[in-house]
Protein backbone atom coordinates (compact mmCIF):
# COMPACT_ATOMS: atom_id res chain seq x y z
CA MET A 1 84.15 -19.64 32.06
CA ASN A 2 80.45 -20.03 32.16
CA ILE A 3 78.66 -18.94 35.37
CA ASN A 4 76.58 -22.14 35.35
CA TYR A 5 79.79 -24.20 35.29
CA ILE A 6 81.05 -22.34 38.36
CA LYS A 7 77.75 -22.82 40.21
CA LYS A 8 77.75 -26.56 39.50
CA ASN A 9 81.40 -27.06 40.47
CA VAL A 10 81.87 -24.55 43.29
CA PHE A 11 82.70 -27.30 45.80
CA ARG A 12 85.44 -28.72 43.58
CA ILE A 13 86.88 -25.28 42.91
CA VAL A 14 87.00 -24.43 46.61
CA LEU A 15 88.70 -27.75 47.39
CA ILE A 16 91.35 -27.18 44.71
CA ILE A 17 92.09 -23.68 46.00
CA PHE A 18 92.17 -24.89 49.61
CA PHE A 19 94.55 -27.79 48.97
CA SER A 20 96.83 -25.69 46.80
CA PHE A 21 97.05 -23.12 49.62
CA VAL A 22 97.56 -25.71 52.38
CA SER A 23 100.28 -27.53 50.47
CA SER A 24 102.34 -24.34 50.32
CA LEU A 25 102.27 -23.85 54.13
CA PRO A 26 104.94 -25.38 56.33
CA VAL A 27 103.84 -28.37 58.37
CA LEU A 28 103.20 -27.59 62.03
CA SER A 29 103.64 -30.02 64.88
CA LEU A 30 102.02 -29.53 68.26
CA ALA A 31 104.04 -32.31 69.89
CA ASP A 32 106.32 -31.62 72.82
CA SER A 33 109.84 -31.33 71.44
CA THR A 34 111.67 -31.21 74.76
CA LEU A 35 113.75 -34.24 75.69
CA PRO A 36 114.77 -35.45 79.14
CA PRO A 37 118.23 -34.36 80.34
CA ASN A 38 119.90 -37.64 79.34
CA GLY A 39 118.74 -37.20 75.74
CA GLY A 40 116.61 -40.36 75.64
CA SER A 41 113.13 -41.20 76.70
CA SER A 42 112.31 -40.94 80.40
CA GLY A 43 110.15 -44.10 80.42
CA LYS A 44 107.96 -42.78 83.24
CA ILE A 45 104.19 -42.89 83.35
CA VAL A 46 102.91 -39.58 84.66
CA ASN A 47 99.55 -39.20 86.39
CA PRO A 48 97.48 -36.82 84.24
CA LEU A 49 95.33 -35.97 87.27
CA PRO A 50 97.85 -35.23 90.03
CA SER A 51 95.20 -34.35 92.63
CA ILE A 52 93.69 -37.86 92.42
CA ASN A 53 95.57 -40.65 94.15
CA SER A 54 92.92 -43.35 94.57
CA LEU A 55 90.08 -45.08 92.76
CA ASP A 56 87.41 -43.51 94.97
CA GLY A 57 88.87 -40.07 94.22
CA LEU A 58 88.67 -40.80 90.49
CA ILE A 59 85.06 -41.97 90.75
CA GLN A 60 84.21 -38.90 92.83
CA LYS A 61 85.72 -36.55 90.21
CA ILE A 62 83.88 -38.33 87.39
CA LEU A 63 80.56 -38.12 89.23
CA GLU A 64 81.18 -34.46 90.08
CA GLY A 65 81.67 -33.78 86.38
CA VAL A 66 78.50 -35.68 85.49
CA ILE A 67 76.56 -33.76 88.14
CA LYS A 68 77.93 -30.41 86.94
CA ILE A 69 76.81 -31.21 83.40
CA GLY A 70 73.62 -33.07 84.30
CA LEU A 71 71.96 -30.56 86.61
CA PRO A 72 71.79 -27.73 84.04
CA VAL A 73 70.54 -30.21 81.45
CA ILE A 74 67.81 -31.34 83.84
CA ALA A 75 66.85 -27.72 84.54
CA LEU A 76 66.59 -27.02 80.80
CA ALA A 77 64.54 -30.20 80.31
CA ILE A 78 62.08 -29.14 83.01
CA ILE A 79 61.77 -25.70 81.40
CA TYR A 80 61.14 -27.43 78.05
CA CYS A 81 58.45 -29.60 79.67
CA GLY A 82 56.78 -26.44 80.98
CA PHE A 83 56.87 -25.04 77.45
CA LEU A 84 55.23 -28.24 76.19
CA PHE A 85 52.45 -27.87 78.78
CA VAL A 86 51.84 -24.25 77.81
CA SER A 87 51.89 -24.96 74.10
CA ALA A 88 49.50 -27.92 74.50
CA ARG A 89 46.52 -25.54 74.91
CA GLY A 90 44.21 -28.25 76.20
CA ASN A 91 44.97 -30.77 73.46
CA PRO A 92 44.90 -34.18 75.23
CA GLU A 93 47.58 -35.73 73.01
CA SER A 94 49.96 -32.82 73.57
CA ILE A 95 49.29 -32.82 77.31
CA LYS A 96 50.06 -36.56 77.44
CA LYS A 97 53.31 -35.92 75.55
CA ALA A 98 54.24 -33.13 78.00
CA LYS A 99 53.43 -35.34 81.02
CA ASP A 100 55.55 -38.17 79.63
CA ALA A 101 58.44 -35.80 79.00
CA LEU A 102 58.21 -34.45 82.56
CA ILE A 103 58.06 -37.95 84.05
CA TYR A 104 61.10 -39.08 82.05
CA THR A 105 62.98 -35.93 83.07
CA LEU A 106 62.23 -36.51 86.74
CA ILE A 107 63.24 -40.18 86.45
CA GLY A 108 66.53 -39.11 84.87
CA ALA A 109 67.11 -36.59 87.66
CA ALA A 110 66.41 -39.25 90.28
CA ILE A 111 68.86 -41.64 88.61
CA LEU A 112 71.54 -38.94 88.44
CA LEU A 113 71.19 -37.87 92.05
CA GLY A 114 70.72 -41.47 93.19
CA ALA A 115 74.01 -42.47 91.57
CA TRP A 116 75.73 -39.66 93.46
CA ALA A 117 74.13 -40.75 96.76
CA ILE A 118 75.03 -44.42 96.21
CA ALA A 119 78.63 -43.51 95.35
CA LEU A 120 78.94 -41.47 98.56
CA LEU A 121 77.41 -44.33 100.56
CA ILE A 122 79.84 -46.87 99.11
CA LYS A 123 82.79 -44.55 99.65
CA ASP A 124 81.89 -43.93 103.30
CA THR A 125 81.37 -47.65 103.87
CA VAL A 126 84.74 -48.57 102.35
CA VAL A 127 86.55 -45.84 104.29
CA ALA A 128 84.90 -47.02 107.54
CA LEU A 129 86.22 -50.56 107.03
């Protein structure tokens, strides 16, 4: 075989080797193979989140997840805005870009925390009724 042929067709060669190897392996299944005691299907719908029993609990868990992900992202965005200010070195266009980035980051943080505050307000109002 010519080395140029191998260089041009390396992707095809790797695919052929991969599929020939995979086809010789037994097929694996990650499905649950256990059956209910009566041998048939149980027909029950199971709550995947057993600690949540109401709609407000579900919304609270979703917002907690968004907050846990959003706050570090906001912190990193503010650090990035600081880097933009430092790297601007007095250039008016770069400073304007850094200011815009900081304003948009702070608006995003206000929306994130405002959504959390509004959700708590609605929850407390509904519970009080």
